[in-house]
Full PDB file with SEQRES, HELIX, SHEET, SSBOND, CRYST1, ORIGX, SCALE, CONECT and MASTER records, all heavy atoms in Angstrom:
SEQRES   1 A   30  VAL ASN GLN ASP ASN THR SER SER TYR HIS LEU PHE TYR          
SEQRES   2 A   30  ALA ASP ALA VAL GLY THR PRO GLY THR ASP MET THR TYR          
SEQRES   3 A   30  PHE ASP ILE PRO                                              
SHEET    1 AA1 2 HIS A  10  TYR A  13  0                                        
SHEET    2 AA1 2 MET A  24  PHE A  27 -1                                        
CRYST1    1.000    1.000    1.000  90.00  90.00  90.00 P 1           1          
ORIGX1      1.000000  0.000000  0.000000        0.00000                         
ORIGX2      0.000000  1.000000  0.000000        0.00000                         
ORIGX3      0.000000  0.000000  1.000000        0.00000                         
SCALE1      1.000000  0.000000  0.000000        0.00000                         
SCALE2      0.000000  1.000000  0.000000        0.00000                         
SCALE3      0.000000  0.000000  1.000000        0.00000                         
ATOM      1  N   VAL A   1     151.228  78.113 132.945  1.00  0.00           N  
ATOM      2  CA  VAL A   1     150.357  78.364 131.798  1.00  0.00           C  
ATOM      3  C   VAL A   1     149.158  77.432 131.869  1.00  0.00           C  
ATOM      4  O   VAL A   1     149.197  76.376 132.504  1.00  0.00           O  
ATOM      5  CB  VAL A   1     151.092  78.157 130.449  1.00  0.00           C  
ATOM      6  CG1 VAL A   1     152.196  79.181 130.286  1.00  0.00           C  
ATOM      7  CG2 VAL A   1     151.625  76.734 130.328  1.00  0.00           C  
ATOM      8  N   ASN A   2     148.103  77.838 131.196  1.00  0.00           N  
ATOM      9  CA  ASN A   2     146.948  76.973 131.001  1.00  0.00           C  
ATOM     10  C   ASN A   2     147.413  75.795 130.139  1.00  0.00           C  
ATOM     11  O   ASN A   2     147.783  75.979 128.981  1.00  0.00           O  
ATOM     12  CB  ASN A   2     145.833  77.761 130.309  1.00  0.00           C  
ATOM     13  CG  ASN A   2     144.588  76.928 130.062  1.00  0.00           C  
ATOM     14  OD1 ASN A   2     144.591  75.710 130.191  1.00  0.00           O  
ATOM     15  ND2 ASN A   2     143.515  77.601 129.688  1.00  0.00           N  
ATOM     16  N   GLN A   3     147.425  74.616 130.691  1.00  0.00           N  
ATOM     17  CA  GLN A   3     147.978  73.470 129.972  1.00  0.00           C  
ATOM     18  C   GLN A   3     147.153  73.096 128.737  1.00  0.00           C  
ATOM     19  O   GLN A   3     147.643  72.395 127.852  1.00  0.00           O  
ATOM     20  CB  GLN A   3     148.118  72.275 130.908  1.00  0.00           C  
ATOM     21  CG  GLN A   3     149.151  72.510 132.002  1.00  0.00           C  
ATOM     22  CD  GLN A   3     149.286  71.354 132.971  1.00  0.00           C  
ATOM     23  OE1 GLN A   3     148.785  70.251 132.725  1.00  0.00           O  
ATOM     24  NE2 GLN A   3     149.958  71.591 134.081  1.00  0.00           N  
ATOM     25  N   ASP A   4     145.918  73.568 128.672  1.00  0.00           N  
ATOM     26  CA  ASP A   4     145.071  73.313 127.503  1.00  0.00           C  
ATOM     27  C   ASP A   4     145.141  74.435 126.475  1.00  0.00           C  
ATOM     28  O   ASP A   4     144.592  74.324 125.389  1.00  0.00           O  
ATOM     29  CB  ASP A   4     143.618  73.106 127.949  1.00  0.00           C  
ATOM     30  CG  ASP A   4     143.486  71.942 128.913  1.00  0.00           C  
ATOM     31  OD1 ASP A   4     144.129  70.901 128.668  1.00  0.00           O  
ATOM     32  OD2 ASP A   4     142.767  72.072 129.918  1.00  0.00           O  
ATOM     33  N   ASN A   5     145.791  75.548 126.851  1.00  0.00           N  
ATOM     34  CA  ASN A   5     145.984  76.677 125.941  1.00  0.00           C  
ATOM     35  C   ASN A   5     147.209  77.436 126.426  1.00  0.00           C  
ATOM     36  O   ASN A   5     147.098  78.386 127.196  1.00  0.00           O  
ATOM     37  CB  ASN A   5     144.753  77.588 125.916  1.00  0.00           C  
ATOM     38  CG  ASN A   5     144.952  78.807 125.037  1.00  0.00           C  
ATOM     39  OD1 ASN A   5     145.944  78.906 124.310  1.00  0.00           O  
ATOM     40  ND2 ASN A   5     144.023  79.749 125.104  1.00  0.00           N  
ATOM     41  N   THR A   6     148.375  77.016 125.987  1.00  0.00           N  
ATOM     42  CA  THR A   6     149.624  77.487 126.580  1.00  0.00           C  
ATOM     43  C   THR A   6     149.972  78.935 126.259  1.00  0.00           C  
ATOM     44  O   THR A   6     150.983  79.447 126.746  1.00  0.00           O  
ATOM     45  CB  THR A   6     150.799  76.586 126.160  1.00  0.00           C  
ATOM     46  OG1 THR A   6     150.891  76.583 124.721  1.00  0.00           O  
ATOM     47  CG2 THR A   6     150.592  75.162 126.663  1.00  0.00           C  
ATOM     48  N   SER A   7     149.126  79.617 125.482  1.00  0.00           N  
ATOM     49  CA  SER A   7     149.352  81.045 125.254  1.00  0.00           C  
ATOM     50  C   SER A   7     148.745  81.894 126.368  1.00  0.00           C  
ATOM     51  O   SER A   7     148.825  83.125 126.331  1.00  0.00           O  
ATOM     52  CB  SER A   7     148.766  81.469 123.899  1.00  0.00           C  
ATOM     53  OG  SER A   7     147.358  81.305 123.886  1.00  0.00           O  
ATOM     54  N   SER A   8     148.148  81.238 127.362  1.00  0.00           N  
ATOM     55  CA  SER A   8     147.503  81.931 128.477  1.00  0.00           C  
ATOM     56  C   SER A   8     148.193  81.559 129.782  1.00  0.00           C  
ATOM     57  O   SER A   8     148.501  80.391 130.033  1.00  0.00           O  
ATOM     58  CB  SER A   8     146.016  81.538 128.549  1.00  0.00           C  
ATOM     59  OG  SER A   8     145.405  82.024 129.727  1.00  0.00           O  
ATOM     60  N   TYR A   9     148.450  82.568 130.635  1.00  0.00           N  
ATOM     61  CA  TYR A   9     149.001  82.297 131.955  1.00  0.00           C  
ATOM     62  C   TYR A   9     147.974  81.611 132.852  1.00  0.00           C  
ATOM     63  O   TYR A   9     146.762  81.774 132.689  1.00  0.00           O  
ATOM     64  CB  TYR A   9     149.430  83.596 132.638  1.00  0.00           C  
ATOM     65  CG  TYR A   9     150.677  84.224 132.078  1.00  0.00           C  
ATOM     66  CD1 TYR A   9     150.600  85.304 131.204  1.00  0.00           C  
ATOM     67  CD2 TYR A   9     151.938  83.754 132.432  1.00  0.00           C  
ATOM     68  CE1 TYR A   9     151.745  85.895 130.689  1.00  0.00           C  
ATOM     69  CE2 TYR A   9     153.093  84.339 131.931  1.00  0.00           C  
ATOM     70  CZ  TYR A   9     152.990  85.405 131.054  1.00  0.00           C  
ATOM     71  OH  TYR A   9     154.120  85.985 130.534  1.00  0.00           O  
ATOM     72  N   HIS A  10     148.482  80.867 133.824  1.00  0.00           N  
ATOM     73  CA  HIS A  10     147.658  80.315 134.899  1.00  0.00           C  
ATOM     74  C   HIS A  10     148.363  80.635 136.204  1.00  0.00           C  
ATOM     75  O   HIS A  10     149.494  80.186 136.432  1.00  0.00           O  
ATOM     76  CB  HIS A  10     147.494  78.804 134.719  1.00  0.00           C  
ATOM     77  CG  HIS A  10     146.423  78.200 135.561  1.00  0.00           C  
ATOM     78  ND1 HIS A  10     146.143  76.849 135.575  1.00  0.00           N  
ATOM     79  CD2 HIS A  10     145.543  78.753 136.421  1.00  0.00           C  
ATOM     80  CE1 HIS A  10     145.139  76.598 136.392  1.00  0.00           C  
ATOM     81  NE2 HIS A  10     144.761  77.739 136.929  1.00  0.00           N  
ATOM     82  N   LEU A  11     147.725  81.465 137.043  1.00  0.00           N  
ATOM     83  CA  LEU A  11     148.304  81.943 138.291  1.00  0.00           C  
ATOM     84  C   LEU A  11     147.607  81.282 139.473  1.00  0.00           C  
ATOM     85  O   LEU A  11     146.378  81.201 139.510  1.00  0.00           O  
ATOM     86  CB  LEU A  11     148.166  83.464 138.394  1.00  0.00           C  
ATOM     87  CG  LEU A  11     148.720  84.266 137.211  1.00  0.00           C  
ATOM     88  CD1 LEU A  11     148.447  85.751 137.413  1.00  0.00           C  
ATOM     89  CD2 LEU A  11     150.208  84.006 137.013  1.00  0.00           C  
ATOM     90  N   PHE A  12     148.413  80.834 140.447  1.00  0.00           N  
ATOM     91  CA  PHE A  12     147.892  80.104 141.604  1.00  0.00           C  
ATOM     92  C   PHE A  12     148.224  80.880 142.879  1.00  0.00           C  
ATOM     93  O   PHE A  12     149.404  81.107 143.177  1.00  0.00           O  
ATOM     94  CB  PHE A  12     148.539  78.716 141.694  1.00  0.00           C  
ATOM     95  CG  PHE A  12     148.247  77.796 140.539  1.00  0.00           C  
ATOM     96  CD1 PHE A  12     148.853  77.980 139.300  1.00  0.00           C  
ATOM     97  CD2 PHE A  12     147.377  76.722 140.698  1.00  0.00           C  
ATOM     98  CE1 PHE A  12     148.600  77.112 138.252  1.00  0.00           C  
ATOM     99  CE2 PHE A  12     147.119  75.848 139.648  1.00  0.00           C  
ATOM    100  CZ  PHE A  12     147.721  76.040 138.417  1.00  0.00           C  
ATOM    101  N   TYR A  13     147.205  81.253 143.650  1.00  0.00           N  
ATOM    102  CA  TYR A  13     147.386  81.960 144.915  1.00  0.00           C  
ATOM    103  C   TYR A  13     146.944  81.050 146.059  1.00  0.00           C  
ATOM    104  O   TYR A  13     145.882  80.426 145.995  1.00  0.00           O  
ATOM    105  CB  TYR A  13     146.561  83.245 144.948  1.00  0.00           C  
ATOM    106  CG  TYR A  13     146.800  84.155 143.763  1.00  0.00           C  
ATOM    107  CD1 TYR A  13     145.904  84.203 142.698  1.00  0.00           C  
ATOM    108  CD2 TYR A  13     147.925  84.984 143.702  1.00  0.00           C  
ATOM    109  CE1 TYR A  13     146.109  85.036 141.606  1.00  0.00           C  
ATOM    110  CE2 TYR A  13     148.143  85.822 142.620  1.00  0.00           C  
ATOM    111  CZ  TYR A  13     147.230  85.839 141.572  1.00  0.00           C  
ATOM    112  OH  TYR A  13     147.447  86.671 140.492  1.00  0.00           O  
ATOM    113  N   ALA A  14     147.736  81.000 147.128  1.00  0.00           N  
ATOM    114  CA  ALA A  14     147.431  80.050 148.192  1.00  0.00           C  
ATOM    115  C   ALA A  14     148.037  80.530 149.509  1.00  0.00           C  
ATOM    116  O   ALA A  14     148.392  81.703 149.656  1.00  0.00           O  
ATOM    117  CB  ALA A  14     147.946  78.660 147.811  1.00  0.00           C  
ATOM    118  N   ASP A  15     148.134  79.598 150.461  1.00  0.00           N  
ATOM    119  CA  ASP A  15     148.776  79.915 151.726  1.00  0.00           C  
ATOM    120  C   ASP A  15     150.297  79.872 151.545  1.00  0.00           C  
ATOM    121  O   ASP A  15     150.799  79.842 150.412  1.00  0.00           O  
ATOM    122  CB  ASP A  15     148.284  78.972 152.828  1.00  0.00           C  
ATOM    123  CG  ASP A  15     148.799  77.529 152.669  1.00  0.00           C  
ATOM    124  OD1 ASP A  15     149.393  77.217 151.608  1.00  0.00           O  
ATOM    125  OD2 ASP A  15     148.603  76.715 153.591  1.00  0.00           O  
ATOM    126  N   ALA A  16     151.041  79.815 152.635  1.00  0.00           N  
ATOM    127  CA  ALA A  16     152.497  79.921 152.554  1.00  0.00           C  
ATOM    128  C   ALA A  16     153.150  78.772 151.800  1.00  0.00           C  
ATOM    129  O   ALA A  16     154.228  78.939 151.225  1.00  0.00           O  
ATOM    130  CB  ALA A  16     153.083  80.011 153.971  1.00  0.00           C  
ATOM    131  N   VAL A  17     152.509  77.596 151.785  1.00  0.00           N  
ATOM    132  CA  VAL A  17     153.152  76.418 151.178  1.00  0.00           C  
ATOM    133  C   VAL A  17     152.298  75.774 150.089  1.00  0.00           C  
ATOM    134  O   VAL A  17     152.635  74.685 149.610  1.00  0.00           O  
ATOM    135  CB  VAL A  17     153.504  75.368 152.268  1.00  0.00           C  
ATOM    136  CG1 VAL A  17     154.504  75.957 153.256  1.00  0.00           C  
ATOM    137  CG2 VAL A  17     152.258  74.872 152.979  1.00  0.00           C  
ATOM    138  N   GLY A  18     151.199  76.413 149.704  1.00  0.00           N  
ATOM    139  CA  GLY A  18     150.349  75.842 148.663  1.00  0.00           C  
ATOM    140  C   GLY A  18     149.555  74.640 149.127  1.00  0.00           C  
ATOM    141  O   GLY A  18     149.324  73.694 148.362  1.00  0.00           O  
ATOM    142  N   THR A  19     149.091  74.651 150.362  1.00  0.00           N  
ATOM    143  CA  THR A  19     148.309  73.548 150.908  1.00  0.00           C  
ATOM    144  C   THR A  19     147.041  73.318 150.094  1.00  0.00           C  
ATOM    145  O   THR A  19     146.326  74.282 149.785  1.00  0.00           O  
ATOM    146  CB  THR A  19     147.917  73.849 152.368  1.00  0.00           C  
ATOM    147  OG1 THR A  19     149.093  74.131 153.129  1.00  0.00           O  
ATOM    148  CG2 THR A  19     147.159  72.687 152.992  1.00  0.00           C  
ATOM    149  N   PRO A  20     146.720  72.072 149.733  1.00  0.00           N  
ATOM    150  CA  PRO A  20     145.446  71.821 149.057  1.00  0.00           C  
ATOM    151  C   PRO A  20     144.275  72.367 149.883  1.00  0.00           C  
ATOM    152  O   PRO A  20     144.227  72.198 151.105  1.00  0.00           O  
ATOM    153  CB  PRO A  20     145.390  70.292 148.972  1.00  0.00           C  
ATOM    154  CG  PRO A  20     146.812  69.861 148.990  1.00  0.00           C  
ATOM    155  CD  PRO A  20     147.510  70.842 149.907  1.00  0.00           C  
ATOM    156  N   GLY A  21     143.362  73.051 149.218  1.00  0.00           N  
ATOM    157  CA  GLY A  21     142.239  73.663 149.923  1.00  0.00           C  
ATOM    158  C   GLY A  21     142.446  75.128 150.242  1.00  0.00           C  
ATOM    159  O   GLY A  21     141.573  75.772 150.834  1.00  0.00           O  
ATOM    160  N   THR A  22     143.609  75.684 149.853  1.00  0.00           N  
ATOM    161  CA  THR A  22     143.861  77.112 150.097  1.00  0.00           C  
ATOM    162  C   THR A  22     144.028  77.879 148.793  1.00  0.00           C  
ATOM    163  O   THR A  22     144.335  79.073 148.813  1.00  0.00           O  
ATOM    164  CB  THR A  22     145.133  77.316 150.943  1.00  0.00           C  
ATOM    165  OG1 THR A  22     146.293  76.967 150.172  1.00  0.00           O  
ATOM    166  CG2 THR A  22     145.099  76.476 152.206  1.00  0.00           C  
ATOM    167  N   ASP A  23     143.793  77.238 147.663  1.00  0.00           N  
ATOM    168  CA  ASP A  23     144.296  77.688 146.370  1.00  0.00           C  
ATOM    169  C   ASP A  23     143.208  78.268 145.462  1.00  0.00           C  
ATOM    170  O   ASP A  23     142.305  77.551 145.037  1.00  0.00           O  
ATOM    171  CB  ASP A  23     144.959  76.472 145.703  1.00  0.00           C  
ATOM    172  CG  ASP A  23     145.643  76.795 144.411  1.00  0.00           C  
ATOM    173  OD1 ASP A  23     145.884  77.975 144.156  1.00  0.00           O  
ATOM    174  OD2 ASP A  23     145.939  75.844 143.661  1.00  0.00           O  
ATOM    175  N   MET A  24     143.315  79.558 145.166  1.00  0.00           N  
ATOM    176  CA  MET A  24     142.456  80.228 144.176  1.00  0.00           C  
ATOM    177  C   MET A  24     143.308  80.470 142.938  1.00  0.00           C  
ATOM    178  O   MET A  24     144.397  81.048 143.032  1.00  0.00           O  
ATOM    179  CB  MET A  24     141.937  81.559 144.724  1.00  0.00           C  
ATOM    180  CG  MET A  24     140.959  82.281 143.815  1.00  0.00           C  
ATOM    181  SD  MET A  24     139.299  81.590 143.937  1.00  0.00           S  
ATOM    182  CE  MET A  24     138.412  82.591 142.724  1.00  0.00           C  
ATOM    183  N   THR A  25     142.851  80.029 141.784  1.00  0.00           N  
ATOM    184  CA  THR A  25     143.659  80.163 140.577  1.00  0.00           C  
ATOM    185  C   THR A  25     142.927  80.994 139.533  1.00  0.00           C  
ATOM    186  O   THR A  25     141.699  81.040 139.515  1.00  0.00           O  
ATOM    187  CB  THR A  25     144.025  78.785 139.983  1.00  0.00           C  
ATOM    188  OG1 THR A  25     143.078  78.391 138.989  1.00  0.00           O  
ATOM    189  CG2 THR A  25     144.101  77.725 141.048  1.00  0.00           C  
ATOM    190  N   TYR A  26     143.717  81.626 138.650  1.00  0.00           N  
ATOM    191  CA  TYR A  26     143.146  82.458 137.581  1.00  0.00           C  
ATOM    192  C   TYR A  26     143.815  82.166 136.247  1.00  0.00           C  
ATOM    193  O   TYR A  26     145.043  82.122 136.154  1.00  0.00           O  
ATOM    194  CB  TYR A  26     143.293  83.950 137.912  1.00  0.00           C  
ATOM    195  CG  TYR A  26     142.188  84.455 138.816  1.00  0.00           C  
ATOM    196  CD1 TYR A  26     142.275  84.318 140.194  1.00  0.00           C  
ATOM    197  CD2 TYR A  26     141.044  85.047 138.281  1.00  0.00           C  
ATOM    198  CE1 TYR A  26     141.253  84.757 141.027  1.00  0.00           C  
ATOM    199  CE2 TYR A  26     140.015  85.505 139.098  1.00  0.00           C  
ATOM    200  CZ  TYR A  26     140.129  85.343 140.468  1.00  0.00           C  
ATOM    201  OH  TYR A  26     139.099  85.775 141.280  1.00  0.00           O  
ATOM    202  N   PHE A  27     142.978  81.984 135.230  1.00  0.00           N  
ATOM    203  CA  PHE A  27     143.427  81.961 133.849  1.00  0.00           C  
ATOM    204  C   PHE A  27     143.422  83.390 133.328  1.00  0.00           C  
ATOM    205  O   PHE A  27     142.424  84.107 133.481  1.00  0.00           O  
ATOM    206  CB  PHE A  27     142.493  81.113 132.977  1.00  0.00           C  
ATOM    207  CG  PHE A  27     142.385  79.675 133.401  1.00  0.00           C  
ATOM    208  CD1 PHE A  27     141.209  79.184 133.943  1.00  0.00           C  
ATOM    209  CD2 PHE A  27     143.456  78.806 133.256  1.00  0.00           C  
ATOM    210  CE1 PHE A  27     141.089  77.862 134.319  1.00  0.00           C  
ATOM    211  CE2 PHE A  27     143.352  77.471 133.634  1.00  0.00           C  
ATOM    212  CZ  PHE A  27     142.167  76.998 134.170  1.00  0.00           C  
ATOM    213  N   ASP A  28     144.510  83.809 132.711  1.00  0.00           N  
ATOM    214  CA  ASP A  28     144.616  85.166 132.179  1.00  0.00           C  
ATOM    215  C   ASP A  28     144.120  85.180 130.729  1.00  0.00           C  
ATOM    216  O   ASP A  28     144.756  84.623 129.840  1.00  0.00           O  
ATOM    217  CB  ASP A  28     146.074  85.625 132.246  1.00  0.00           C  
ATOM    218  CG  ASP A  28     146.268  87.015 131.655  1.00  0.00           C  
ATOM    219  OD1 ASP A  28     145.416  87.881 131.917  1.00  0.00           O  
ATOM    220  OD2 ASP A  28     147.255  87.217 130.935  1.00  0.00           O  
ATOM    221  N   ILE A  29     142.962  85.806 130.517  1.00  0.00           N  
ATOM    222  CA  ILE A  29     142.364  85.919 129.183  1.00  0.00           C  
ATOM    223  C   ILE A  29     142.100  87.405 128.937  1.00  0.00           C  
ATOM    224  O   ILE A  29     141.038  87.931 129.302  1.00  0.00           O  
ATOM    225  CB  ILE A  29     141.070  85.098 129.070  1.00  0.00           C  
ATOM    226  CG1 ILE A  29     141.342  83.636 129.458  1.00  0.00           C  
ATOM    227  CG2 ILE A  29     140.505  85.177 127.654  1.00  0.00           C  
ATOM    228  CD1 ILE A  29     140.112  82.759 129.476  1.00  0.00           C  
ATOM    229  N   PRO A  30     143.076  88.141 128.369  1.00  0.00           N  
ATOM    230  CA  PRO A  30     142.993  89.605 128.300  1.00  0.00           C  
ATOM    231  C   PRO A  30     141.739  90.152 127.617  1.00  0.00           C  
ATOM    232  O   PRO A  30     141.286  91.245 127.955  1.00  0.00           O  
ATOM    233  CB  PRO A  30     144.266  89.986 127.539  1.00  0.00           C  
ATOM    234  CG  PRO A  30     145.221  88.879 127.832  1.00  0.00           C  
ATOM    235  CD  PRO A  30     144.387  87.642 127.892  1.00  0.00           C  
TER     236      PRO A  30                                                      
MASTER        0    0    0    0    2    0    0    6  235    1    0    3          
END                                                                             
């Protein structure tokens, strides 16, 4: 979740192990 607004999801997309520098994230704001 968005730690500053926990009613919103926070999704993290990355490589196989979540290596720093591979990570695109999205806040879900319908």
